[in-house]
Amino acid sequence: MLLAKVWHFWIAVPLVFGAVLFGIATIVGYVTKVIRPKYPRRGQV
């Protein structure tokens, strides 16, 4: 039973890490594909 608790704990670590990375990638992708084209840089008109 002790190994079951340890295994469940360590499988949660990569799952949480992957979920955080997925959230960050989603936000960065949204900003670069949707928000950034609406506001071009000053040199580009």
N, C-alpha and C. Protein backbone atom coordinates (compact mmCIF):
# COMPACT_ATOMS: atom_id res chain seq x y z
N MET A 1 0.82 -1.20 0.00
CA MET A 1 0.00 0.00 0.00
C MET A 1 0.87 1.26 0.00
N LEU A 2 2.03 1.16 0.59
CA LEU A 2 2.94 2.31 0.62
C LEU A 2 3.39 2.67 -0.79
N LEU A 3 3.67 1.69 -1.60
CA LEU A 3 4.11 1.96 -2.97
C LEU A 3 3.01 2.59 -3.81
N ALA A 4 1.77 2.26 -3.52
CA ALA A 4 0.65 2.85 -4.26
C ALA A 4 0.57 4.35 -4.00
N LYS A 5 0.75 4.77 -2.78
CA LYS A 5 0.73 6.20 -2.47
C LYS A 5 1.89 6.93 -3.14
N VAL A 6 3.07 6.35 -3.06
CA VAL A 6 4.25 6.98 -3.67
C VAL A 6 4.06 7.07 -5.18
N TRP A 7 3.57 6.03 -5.81
CA TRP A 7 3.37 6.04 -7.25
C TRP A 7 2.36 7.11 -7.65
N HIS A 8 1.28 7.23 -6.93
CA HIS A 8 0.27 8.23 -7.25
C HIS A 8 0.83 9.64 -7.09
N PHE A 9 1.66 9.83 -6.09
CA PHE A 9 2.25 11.14 -5.88
C PHE A 9 3.16 11.51 -7.05
N TRP A 10 4.02 10.59 -7.47
CA TRP A 10 5.00 10.93 -8.51
C TRP A 10 4.38 10.99 -9.89
N ILE A 11 3.28 10.33 -10.13
CA ILE A 11 2.63 10.46 -11.44
C ILE A 11 1.93 11.81 -11.55
N ALA A 12 1.59 12.41 -10.41
CA ALA A 12 0.94 13.72 -10.43
C ALA A 12 1.91 14.82 -10.81
N VAL A 13 3.19 14.67 -10.48
CA VAL A 13 4.17 15.72 -10.77
C VAL A 13 4.28 15.99 -12.27
N PRO A 14 4.52 14.99 -13.13
CA PRO A 14 4.60 15.30 -14.56
C PRO A 14 3.25 15.74 -15.15
N LEU A 15 2.15 15.26 -14.59
CA LEU A 15 0.85 15.69 -15.10
C LEU A 15 0.61 17.17 -14.82
N VAL A 16 0.94 17.62 -13.64
CA VAL A 16 0.78 19.03 -13.30
C VAL A 16 1.74 19.88 -14.12
N PHE A 17 2.97 19.44 -14.26
CA PHE A 17 3.97 20.16 -15.05
C PHE A 17 3.50 20.29 -16.50
N GLY A 18 2.98 19.22 -17.07
CA GLY A 18 2.48 19.25 -18.43
C GLY A 18 1.27 20.16 -18.58
N ALA A 19 0.40 20.17 -17.59
CA ALA A 19 -0.78 21.04 -17.65
C ALA A 19 -0.39 22.50 -17.58
N VAL A 20 0.60 22.83 -16.74
CA VAL A 20 1.07 24.21 -16.65
C VAL A 20 1.71 24.63 -17.96
N LEU A 21 2.54 23.78 -18.54
CA LEU A 21 3.16 24.09 -19.84
C LEU A 21 2.11 24.26 -20.93
N PHE A 22 1.09 23.41 -20.91
CA PHE A 22 0.02 23.52 -21.90
C PHE A 22 -0.72 24.85 -21.76
N GLY A 23 -0.98 25.27 -20.55
CA GLY A 23 -1.65 26.55 -20.32
C GLY A 23 -0.81 27.73 -20.80
N ILE A 24 0.49 27.70 -20.51
CA ILE A 24 1.37 28.77 -20.95
C ILE A 24 1.46 28.79 -22.47
N ALA A 25 1.58 27.62 -23.09
CA ALA A 25 1.66 27.55 -24.55
C ALA A 25 0.38 28.05 -25.20
N THR A 26 -0.76 27.77 -24.59
CA THR A 26 -2.03 28.25 -25.12
C THR A 26 -2.12 29.77 -25.07
N ILE A 27 -1.70 30.35 -23.96
CA ILE A 27 -1.73 31.80 -23.83
C ILE A 27 -0.77 32.47 -24.81
N VAL A 28 0.45 31.94 -24.91
CA VAL A 28 1.44 32.51 -25.83
C VAL A 28 0.95 32.37 -27.28
N GLY A 29 0.39 31.24 -27.63
CA GLY A 29 -0.13 31.05 -28.98
C GLY A 29 -1.27 32.00 -29.29
N TYR A 30 -2.13 32.23 -28.34
CA TYR A 30 -3.25 33.15 -28.54
C TYR A 30 -2.75 34.57 -28.76
N VAL A 31 -1.80 34.98 -27.94
CA VAL A 31 -1.28 36.33 -28.06
C VAL A 31 -0.58 36.52 -29.40
N THR A 32 0.22 35.54 -29.82
CA THR A 32 0.96 35.71 -31.07
C THR A 32 0.07 35.61 -32.30
N LYS A 33 -0.96 34.81 -32.27
CA LYS A 33 -1.80 34.61 -33.46
C LYS A 33 -3.00 35.54 -33.53
N VAL A 34 -3.52 36.01 -32.39
CA VAL A 34 -4.75 36.79 -32.38
C VAL A 34 -4.50 38.24 -31.99
N ILE A 35 -3.83 38.44 -30.90
CA ILE A 35 -3.66 39.81 -30.37
C ILE A 35 -2.59 40.58 -31.14
N ARG A 36 -1.47 39.95 -31.40
CA ARG A 36 -0.35 40.65 -32.03
C ARG A 36 -0.66 41.19 -33.43
N PRO A 37 -1.37 40.47 -34.30
CA PRO A 37 -1.69 41.04 -35.61
C PRO A 37 -2.60 42.28 -35.54
N LYS A 38 -3.35 42.43 -34.47
CA LYS A 38 -4.23 43.61 -34.34
C LYS A 38 -3.44 44.88 -34.09
N TYR A 39 -2.27 44.74 -33.46
CA TYR A 39 -1.46 45.89 -33.10
C TYR A 39 -0.07 45.76 -33.71
N PRO A 40 0.11 46.20 -34.95
CA PRO A 40 1.44 46.08 -35.58
C PRO A 40 2.44 47.00 -34.90
N ARG A 41 3.71 46.71 -35.09
CA ARG A 41 4.76 47.53 -34.51
C ARG A 41 4.79 48.88 -35.20
N ARG A 42 5.44 49.84 -34.58
CA ARG A 42 5.44 51.21 -35.09
C ARG A 42 6.12 51.32 -36.45
N GLY A 43 7.11 50.51 -36.72
CA GLY A 43 7.82 50.57 -38.00
C GLY A 43 6.99 50.02 -39.15
N GLN A 44 6.01 49.17 -38.84
CA GLN A 44 5.17 48.56 -39.87
C GLN A 44 3.84 49.29 -39.93
N VAL A 45 3.46 49.71 -41.13
CA VAL A 45 2.18 50.42 -41.26
C VAL A 45 1.28 49.73 -42.23
